[in-house]
PDB file of N, CA and C in Angstrom:
ATOM      1  N   MET A   1       0.865  -1.173  -0.070  1.00  0.00           N
ATOM      2  CA  MET A   1       0.007  -0.008  -0.027  1.00  0.00           C
ATOM      3  C   MET A   1       0.910   1.233   0.013  1.00  0.00           C
ATOM      4  N   TYR A   2       0.527   2.150  -0.827  1.00  0.00           N
ATOM      5  CA  TYR A   2       1.221   3.479  -0.876  1.00  0.00           C
ATOM      6  C   TYR A   2       0.354   4.532  -1.439  1.00  0.00           C
ATOM      7  N   TRP A   3       0.740   5.706  -1.231  1.00  0.00           N
ATOM      8  CA  TRP A   3       0.045   6.909  -1.753  1.00  0.00           C
ATOM      9  C   TRP A   3       0.680   7.370  -3.015  1.00  0.00           C
ATOM     10  N   GLU A   4      -0.181   7.635  -4.075  1.00  0.00           N
ATOM     11  CA  GLU A   4       0.243   8.155  -5.331  1.00  0.00           C
ATOM     12  C   GLU A   4      -0.504   9.342  -5.561  1.00  0.00           C
ATOM     13  N   GLY A   5       0.023  10.531  -5.193  1.00  0.00           N
ATOM     14  CA  GLY A   5      -0.792  11.791  -5.189  1.00  0.00           C
ATOM     15  C   GLY A   5      -1.951  11.652  -4.210  1.00  0.00           C
ATOM     16  N   LYS A   6      -3.115  11.755  -4.641  1.00  0.00           N
ATOM     17  CA  LYS A   6      -4.313  11.614  -3.732  1.00  0.00           C
ATOM     18  C   LYS A   6      -4.939  10.251  -3.813  1.00  0.00           C
ATOM     19  N   MET A   7      -4.272   9.302  -4.462  1.00  0.00           N
ATOM     20  CA  MET A   7      -4.785   7.937  -4.558  1.00  0.00           C
ATOM     21  C   MET A   7      -4.023   6.996  -3.633  1.00  0.00           C
ATOM     22  N   LEU A   8      -4.818   6.172  -2.958  1.00  0.00           N
ATOM     23  CA  LEU A   8      -4.234   5.075  -2.154  1.00  0.00           C
ATOM     24  C   LEU A   8      -4.161   3.898  -3.027  1.00  0.00           C
ATOM     25  N   VAL A   9      -2.934   3.285  -3.198  1.00  0.00           N
ATOM     26  CA  VAL A   9      -2.703   2.216  -4.141  1.00  0.00           C
ATOM     27  C   VAL A   9      -2.374   0.937  -3.393  1.00  0.00           C
ATOM     28  N   PHE A  10      -3.044  -0.137  -3.780  1.00  0.00           N
ATOM     29  CA  PHE A  10      -2.740  -1.479  -3.202  1.00  0.00           C
ATOM     30  C   PHE A  10      -2.408  -2.327  -4.334  1.00  0.00           C
ATOM     31  N   ASP A  11      -1.616  -3.385  -4.024  1.00  0.00           N
ATOM     32  CA  ASP A  11      -1.303  -4.514  -4.934  1.00  0.00           C
ATOM     33  C   ASP A  11      -2.404  -5.539  -4.723  1.00  0.00           C
ATOM     34  N   ILE A  12      -2.724  -6.235  -5.771  1.00  0.00           N
ATOM     35  CA  ILE A  12      -3.793  -7.265  -5.723  1.00  0.00           C
ATOM     36  C   ILE A  12      -3.516  -8.291  -4.579  1.00  0.00           C
ATOM     37  N   SER A  13      -2.209  -8.501  -4.257  1.00  0.00           N
ATOM     38  CA  SER A  13      -1.826  -9.477  -3.243  1.00  0.00           C
ATOM     39  C   SER A  13      -2.251  -8.899  -1.876  1.00  0.00           C
ATOM     40  N   ASP A  14      -2.452  -7.607  -1.761  1.00  0.00           N
ATOM     41  CA  ASP A  14      -2.844  -7.012  -0.449  1.00  0.00           C
ATOM     42  C   ASP A  14      -4.358  -7.129  -0.173  1.00  0.00           C
ATOM     43  N   PHE A  15      -5.080  -7.473  -1.224  1.00  0.00           N
ATOM     44  CA  PHE A  15      -6.558  -7.489  -1.145  1.00  0.00           C
ATOM     45  C   PHE A  15      -7.129  -8.525  -0.066  1.00  0.00           C
ATOM     46  N   PRO A  16      -6.706  -9.709  -0.209  1.00  0.00           N
ATOM     47  CA  PRO A  16      -7.373 -10.739   0.728  1.00  0.00           C
ATOM     48  C   PRO A  16      -7.319 -10.349   2.164  1.00  0.00           C
ATOM     49  N   GLN A  17      -6.066  -9.943   2.602  1.00  0.00           N
ATOM     50  CA  GLN A  17      -5.987  -9.640   4.083  1.00  0.00           C
ATOM     51  C   GLN A  17      -6.372  -8.211   4.439  1.00  0.00           C
ATOM     52  N   ASN A  18      -6.563  -7.337   3.446  1.00  0.00           N
ATOM     53  CA  ASN A  18      -6.893  -5.916   3.695  1.00  0.00           C
ATOM     54  C   ASN A  18      -8.233  -5.518   3.124  1.00  0.00           C
ATOM     55  N   ALA A  19      -9.085  -6.471   2.745  1.00  0.00           N
ATOM     56  CA  ALA A  19     -10.341  -5.999   2.056  1.00  0.00           C
ATOM     57  C   ALA A  19     -11.144  -4.922   2.819  1.00  0.00           C
ATOM     58  N   THR A  20     -11.293  -5.174   4.065  1.00  0.00           N
ATOM     59  CA  THR A  20     -12.028  -4.214   4.961  1.00  0.00           C
ATOM     60  C   THR A  20     -11.457  -2.824   4.942  1.00  0.00           C
ATOM     61  N   LYS A  21     -10.069  -2.839   5.122  1.00  0.00           N
ATOM     62  CA  LYS A  21      -9.369  -1.545   5.034  1.00  0.00           C
ATOM     63  C   LYS A  21      -9.482  -0.884   3.808  1.00  0.00           C
ATOM     64  N   ILE A  22      -9.389  -1.663   2.615  1.00  0.00           N
ATOM     65  CA  ILE A  22      -9.544  -1.089   1.302  1.00  0.00           C
ATOM     66  C   ILE A  22     -10.897  -0.539   1.113  1.00  0.00           C
ATOM     67  N   PHE A  23     -11.903  -1.177   1.448  1.00  0.00           N
ATOM     68  CA  PHE A  23     -13.325  -0.681   1.282  1.00  0.00           C
ATOM     69  C   PHE A  23     -13.584   0.559   2.095  1.00  0.00           C
ATOM     70  N   ASN A  24     -13.046   0.501   3.349  1.00  0.00           N
ATOM     71  CA  ASN A  24     -13.239   1.698   4.219  1.00  0.00           C
ATOM     72  C   ASN A  24     -12.496   2.862   3.684  1.00  0.00           C
ATOM     73  N   ALA A  25     -11.245   2.643   3.153  1.00  0.00           N
ATOM     74  CA  ALA A  25     -10.503   3.730   2.510  1.00  0.00           C
ATOM     75  C   ALA A  25     -11.221   4.380   1.411  1.00  0.00           C
ATOM     76  N   ALA A  26     -11.936   3.448   0.586  1.00  0.00           N
ATOM     77  CA  ALA A  26     -12.683   3.917  -0.646  1.00  0.00           C
ATOM     78  C   ALA A  26     -13.794   4.943  -0.274  1.00  0.00           C
ATOM     79  N   LEU A  27     -14.261   4.904   0.997  1.00  0.00           N
ATOM     80  CA  LEU A  27     -15.383   5.757   1.380  1.00  0.00           C
ATOM     81  C   LEU A  27     -14.902   7.212   1.407  1.00  0.00           C
ATOM     82  N   THR A  28     -13.601   7.393   1.640  1.00  0.00           N
ATOM     83  CA  THR A  28     -13.053   8.790   1.809  1.00  0.00           C
ATOM     84  C   THR A  28     -11.954   9.230   0.733  1.00  0.00           C
ATOM     85  N   ASP A  29     -11.326   8.113   0.238  1.00  0.00           N
ATOM     86  CA  ASP A  29     -10.192   8.408  -0.651  1.00  0.00           C
ATOM     87  C   ASP A  29     -10.374   7.637  -1.964  1.00  0.00           C
ATOM     88  N   GLU A  30      -9.628   8.019  -2.983  1.00  0.00           N
ATOM     89  CA  GLU A  30      -9.583   7.310  -4.215  1.00  0.00           C
ATOM     90  C   GLU A  30      -8.695   6.087  -4.009  1.00  0.00           C
ATOM     91  N   VAL A  31      -9.231   4.882  -4.312  1.00  0.00           N
ATOM     92  CA  VAL A  31      -8.425   3.639  -4.109  1.00  0.00           C
ATOM     93  C   VAL A  31      -8.259   2.972  -5.444  1.00  0.00           C
ATOM     94  N   ILE A  32      -6.981   2.534  -5.664  1.00  0.00           N
ATOM     95  CA  ILE A  32      -6.619   1.828  -6.844  1.00  0.00           C
ATOM     96  C   ILE A  32      -6.011   0.513  -6.454  1.00  0.00           C
ATOM     97  N   ILE A  33      -6.394  -0.565  -7.146  1.00  0.00           N
ATOM     98  CA  ILE A  33      -5.743  -1.912  -6.940  1.00  0.00           C
ATOM     99  C   ILE A  33      -5.070  -2.268  -8.240  1.00  0.00           C
ATOM    100  N   ASN A  34      -3.699  -2.537  -8.068  1.00  0.00           N
ATOM    101  CA  ASN A  34      -3.009  -2.903  -9.219  1.00  0.00           C
ATOM    102  C   ASN A  34      -2.835  -4.527  -9.252  1.00  0.00           C
ATOM    103  N   ASN A  35      -3.174  -5.041 -10.483  1.00  0.00           N
ATOM    104  CA  ASN A  35      -3.043  -6.401 -10.680  1.00  0.00           C
ATOM    105  C   ASN A  35      -1.535  -6.747 -11.161  1.00  0.00           C
ATOM    106  N   LYS A  36      -1.174  -8.022 -11.049  1.00  0.00           N
ATOM    107  CA  LYS A  36       0.194  -8.342 -11.424  1.00  0.00           C
ATOM    108  C   LYS A  36       0.415  -8.189 -12.900  1.00  0.00           C
ATOM    109  N   ASN A  37      -0.562  -8.297 -13.666  1.00  0.00           N
ATOM    110  CA  ASN A  37      -0.497  -8.150 -15.142  1.00  0.00           C
ATOM    111  C   ASN A  37      -0.503  -6.719 -15.634  1.00  0.00           C
ATOM    112  N   GLY A  38      -0.533  -5.761 -14.693  1.00  0.00           N
ATOM    113  CA  GLY A  38      -0.520  -4.311 -15.005  1.00  0.00           C
ATOM    114  C   GLY A  38      -1.918  -3.637 -15.091  1.00  0.00           C
ATOM    115  N   THR A  39      -2.882  -4.470 -15.002  1.00  0.00           N
ATOM    116  CA  THR A  39      -4.267  -3.834 -14.975  1.00  0.00           C
ATOM    117  C   THR A  39      -4.563  -3.249 -13.646  1.00  0.00           C
ATOM    118  N   SER A  40      -5.191  -2.039 -13.584  1.00  0.00           N
ATOM    119  CA  SER A  40      -5.531  -1.273 -12.465  1.00  0.00           C
ATOM    120  C   SER A  40      -7.047  -1.273 -12.319  1.00  0.00           C
ATOM    121  N   TYR A  41      -7.503  -1.289 -11.148  1.00  0.00           N
ATOM    122  CA  TYR A  41      -8.994  -1.208 -10.764  1.00  0.00           C
ATOM    123  C   TYR A  41      -9.204  -0.172  -9.790  1.00  0.00           C
ATOM    124  N   LYS A  42     -10.241   0.640 -10.015  1.00  0.00           N
ATOM    125  CA  LYS A  42     -10.605   1.721  -9.074  1.00  0.00           C
ATOM    126  C   LYS A  42     -11.779   1.216  -8.222  1.00  0.00           C
ATOM    127  N   ILE A  43     -11.636   1.379  -6.860  1.00  0.00           N
ATOM    128  CA  ILE A  43     -12.701   0.969  -6.048  1.00  0.00           C
ATOM    129  C   ILE A  43     -13.604   2.168  -5.751  1.00  0.00           C
ATOM    130  N   LEU A  44     -14.839   2.013  -6.084  1.00  0.00           N
ATOM    131  CA  LEU A  44     -15.836   3.206  -5.852  1.00  0.00           C
ATOM    132  C   LEU A  44     -17.019   2.620  -5.086  1.00  0.00           C
ATOM    133  N   PRO A  45     -17.409   3.275  -3.845  1.00  0.00           N
ATOM    134  CA  PRO A  45     -18.540   2.801  -3.174  1.00  0.00           C
ATOM    135  C   PRO A  45     -19.794   3.217  -3.933  1.00  0.00           C
ATOM    136  N   ILE A  46     -20.841   2.424  -3.850  1.00  0.00           N
ATOM    137  CA  ILE A  46     -22.134   2.703  -4.423  1.00  0.00           C
ATOM    138  C   ILE A  46     -22.911   3.431  -3.329  1.00  0.00           C
ATOM    139  N   LYS A  47     -23.251   4.730  -3.558  1.00  0.00           N
ATOM    140  CA  LYS A  47     -23.982   5.474  -2.585  1.00  0.00           C
ATOM    141  C   LYS A  47     -25.407   5.426  -2.822  1.00  0.00           C
ATOM    142  N   ASP A  48     -26.168   4.964  -1.848  1.00  0.00           N
ATOM    143  CA  ASP A  48     -27.557   4.781  -1.975  1.00  0.00           C
ATOM    144  C   ASP A  48     -28.308   6.080  -1.512  1.00  0.00           C
ATOM    145  N   ASP A  49     -28.245   7.115  -2.348  1.00  0.00           N
ATOM    146  CA  ASP A  49     -28.883   8.416  -2.032  1.00  0.00           C
ATOM    147  C   ASP A  49     -30.465   8.310  -1.968  1.00  0.00           C
ATOM    148  N   LYS A  50     -30.945   7.271  -2.618  1.00  0.00           N
ATOM    149  CA  LYS A  50     -32.435   7.186  -2.687  1.00  0.00           C
ATOM    150  C   LYS A  50     -32.999   6.385  -1.522  1.00  0.00           C
ATOM    151  N   LYS A  51     -32.171   5.840  -0.657  1.00  0.00           N
ATOM    152  CA  LYS A  51     -32.647   4.989   0.474  1.00  0.00           C
ATOM    153  C   LYS A  51     -33.685   5.762   1.242  1.00  0.00           C
ATOM    154  N   GLY A  52     -34.830   5.174   1.403  1.00  0.00           N
ATOM    155  CA  GLY A  52     -35.917   5.707   2.249  1.00  0.00           C
ATOM    156  C   GLY A  52     -36.754   6.755   1.445  1.00  0.00           C
ATOM    157  N   LYS A  53     -36.420   7.013   0.188  1.00  0.00           N
ATOM    158  CA  LYS A  53     -37.280   7.973  -0.575  1.00  0.00           C
ATOM    159  C   LYS A  53     -38.232   7.271  -1.447  1.00  0.00           C
ATOM    160  N   SER A  54     -39.172   7.932  -1.856  1.00  0.00           N
ATOM    161  CA  SER A  54     -40.245   7.382  -2.745  1.00  0.00           C
ATOM    162  C   SER A  54     -39.674   7.159  -4.101  1.00  0.00           C
ATOM    163  N   PRO A  55     -40.009   6.005  -4.761  1.00  0.00           N
ATOM    164  CA  PRO A  55     -39.548   5.758  -6.120  1.00  0.00           C
ATOM    165  C   PRO A  55     -40.199   6.748  -7.133  1.00  0.00           C
ATOM    166  N   PHE A  56     -41.246   7.405  -6.717  1.00  0.00           N
ATOM    167  CA  PHE A  56     -41.912   8.357  -7.607  1.00  0.00           C
ATOM    168  C   PHE A  56     -41.492   9.805  -7.401  1.00  0.00           C
ATOM    169  N   GLU A  57     -40.504  10.015  -6.583  1.00  0.00           N
ATOM    170  CA  GLU A  57     -39.991  11.389  -6.320  1.00  0.00           C
ATOM    171  C   GLU A  57     -39.512  12.117  -7.534  1.00  0.00           C
ATOM    172  N   ASP A  58     -38.931  11.474  -8.497  1.00  0.00           N
ATOM    173  CA  ASP A  58     -38.396  12.173  -9.614  1.00  0.00           C
ATOM    174  C   ASP A  58     -39.414  12.299 -10.766  1.00  0.00           C
ATOM    175  N   ILE A  59     -40.597  11.835 -10.657  1.00  0.00           N
ATOM    176  CA  ILE A  59     -41.635  11.954 -11.739  1.00  0.00           C
ATOM    177  C   ILE A  59     -42.244  13.289 -11.703  1.00  0.00           C
ATOM    178  N   PRO A  60     -42.271  13.932 -12.838  1.00  0.00           N
ATOM    179  CA  PRO A  60     -42.910  15.311 -12.864  1.00  0.00           C
ATOM    180  C   PRO A  60     -44.377  15.185 -12.564  1.00  0.00           C
ATOM    181  N   TYR A  61     -44.926  16.239 -11.996  1.00  0.00           N
ATOM    182  CA  TYR A  61     -46.351  16.312 -11.643  1.00  0.00           C
ATOM    183  C   TYR A  61     -46.957  17.617 -12.004  1.00  0.00           C
ATOM    184  N   ILE A  62     -48.275  17.627 -11.986  1.00  0.00           N
ATOM    185  CA  ILE A  62     -49.034  18.888 -12.135  1.00  0.00           C
ATOM    186  C   ILE A  62     -49.874  19.075 -10.941  1.00  0.00           C
ATOM    187  N   THR A  63     -50.306  20.300 -10.707  1.00  0.00           N
ATOM    188  CA  THR A  63     -51.252  20.474  -9.645  1.00  0.00           C
ATOM    189  C   THR A  63     -52.673  20.674 -10.300  1.00  0.00           C
ATOM    190  N   ALA A  64     -53.644  20.045  -9.724  1.00  0.00           N
ATOM    191  CA  ALA A  64     -55.013  20.069 -10.360  1.00  0.00           C
ATOM    192  C   ALA A  64     -56.025  20.315  -9.243  1.00  0.00           C
ATOM    193  N   ASP A  65     -57.029  21.007  -9.544  1.00  0.00           N
ATOM    194  CA  ASP A  65     -58.005  21.280  -8.619  1.00  0.00           C
ATOM    195  C   ASP A  65     -59.152  20.216  -8.713  1.00  0.00           C
ATOM    196  N   ILE A  66     -58.759  18.947  -8.251  1.00  0.00           N
ATOM    197  CA  ILE A  66     -59.731  17.888  -8.297  1.00  0.00           C
ATOM    198  C   ILE A  66     -59.600  17.037  -6.987  1.00  0.00           C
ATOM    199  N   SER A  67     -60.660  16.582  -6.501  1.00  0.00           N
ATOM    200  CA  SER A  67     -60.638  15.830  -5.282  1.00  0.00           C
ATOM    201  C   SER A  67     -60.327  14.381  -5.506  1.00  0.00           C
ATOM    202  N   THR A  68     -59.935  13.684  -4.437  1.00  0.00           N
ATOM    203  CA  THR A  68     -59.707  12.260  -4.524  1.00  0.00           C
ATOM    204  C   THR A  68     -60.979  11.518  -4.908  1.00  0.00           C
ATOM    205  N   GLN A  69     -62.156  11.990  -4.492  1.00  0.00           N
ATOM    206  CA  GLN A  69     -63.435  11.308  -4.830  1.00  0.00           C
ATOM    207  C   GLN A  69     -63.673  11.442  -6.278  1.00  0.00           C
ATOM    208  N   GLU A  70     -63.343  12.664  -6.872  1.00  0.00           N
ATOM    209  CA  GLU A  70     -63.552  12.849  -8.333  1.00  0.00           C
ATOM    210  C   GLU A  70     -62.786  11.994  -9.130  1.00  0.00           C
ATOM    211  N   ILE A  71     -61.433  11.742  -8.729  1.00  0.00           N
ATOM    212  CA  ILE A  71     -60.577  10.827  -9.372  1.00  0.00           C
ATOM    213  C   ILE A  71     -61.122   9.408  -9.361  1.00  0.00           C
ATOM    214  N   VAL A  72     -61.532   8.981  -8.164  1.00  0.00           N
ATOM    215  CA  VAL A  72     -62.146   7.613  -8.100  1.00  0.00           C
ATOM    216  C   VAL A  72     -63.393   7.493  -8.991  1.00  0.00           C
ATOM    217  N   ASP A  73     -64.242   8.470  -8.967  1.00  0.00           N
ATOM    218  CA  ASP A  73     -65.379   8.425  -9.797  1.00  0.00           C
ATOM    219  C   ASP A  73     -64.995   8.370 -11.298  1.00  0.00           C
ATOM    220  N   LEU A  74     -64.052   9.075 -11.707  1.00  0.00           N
ATOM    221  CA  LEU A  74     -63.556   9.073 -13.039  1.00  0.00           C
ATOM    222  C   LEU A  74     -63.061   7.713 -13.466  1.00  0.00           C
ATOM    223  N   ILE A  75     -62.294   7.074 -12.541  1.00  0.00           N
ATOM    224  CA  ILE A  75     -61.786   5.729 -12.820  1.00  0.00           C
ATOM    225  C   ILE A  75     -62.914   4.677 -12.909  1.00  0.00           C
ATOM    226  N   LYS A  76     -63.886   4.784 -11.976  1.00  0.00           N
ATOM    227  CA  LYS A  76     -65.019   3.845 -12.015  1.00  0.00           C
ATOM    228  C   LYS A  76     -65.836   4.054 -13.302  1.00  0.00           C
ATOM    229  N   GLU A  77     -65.961   5.320 -13.721  1.00  0.00           N
ATOM    230  CA  GLU A  77     -66.653   5.572 -14.959  1.00  0.00           C
ATOM    231  C   GLU A  77     -65.918   4.996 -16.201  1.00  0.00           C
ATOM    232  N   SER A  78     -64.588   5.151 -16.164  1.00  0.00           N
ATOM    233  CA  SER A  78     -63.837   4.634 -17.294  1.00  0.00           C
ATOM    234  C   SER A  78     -63.852   3.130 -17.375  1.00  0.00           C
ATOM    235  N   ARG A  79     -64.016   2.460 -16.200  1.00  0.00           N
ATOM    236  CA  ARG A  79     -63.994   0.979 -16.185  1.00  0.00           C
ATOM    237  C   ARG A  79     -65.379   0.355 -16.456  1.00  0.00           C
ATOM    238  N   ALA A  80     -66.422   1.201 -16.397  1.00  0.00           N
ATOM    239  CA  ALA A  80     -67.811   0.725 -16.544  1.00  0.00           C
ATOM    240  C   ALA A  80     -68.041   0.181 -17.920  1.00  0.00           C
ATOM    241  N   GLY A  81     -67.294   0.669 -18.904  1.00  0.00           N
ATOM    242  CA  GLY A  81     -67.538   0.141 -20.265  1.00  0.00           C
ATOM    243  C   GLY A  81     -66.796  -1.085 -20.527  1.00  0.00           C
ATOM    244  N   ILE A  82     -65.971  -1.570 -19.666  1.00  0.00           N
ATOM    245  CA  ILE A  82     -65.124  -2.745 -19.885  1.00  0.00           C
ATOM    246  C   ILE A  82     -65.881  -3.991 -19.676  1.00  0.00           C
TER     247      ILE A  82
END
């Protein structure tokens, strides 16, 4: 393990015994793992910013002057012909 600029760099051989340390470091720093064949991997945490929020939060909406009962009545009316 060593610092290269602002990146924390690990060799692939460090991973098995330092996995927890590597994942924790990735929460605050840029973490790179170098493979023996020269391939490098960047470890990035997946941030669940949507946790606890409605899946409909990003859907655009309009405001309408209509009551819940009027909506229910319109749905019933549209289904009456089925």
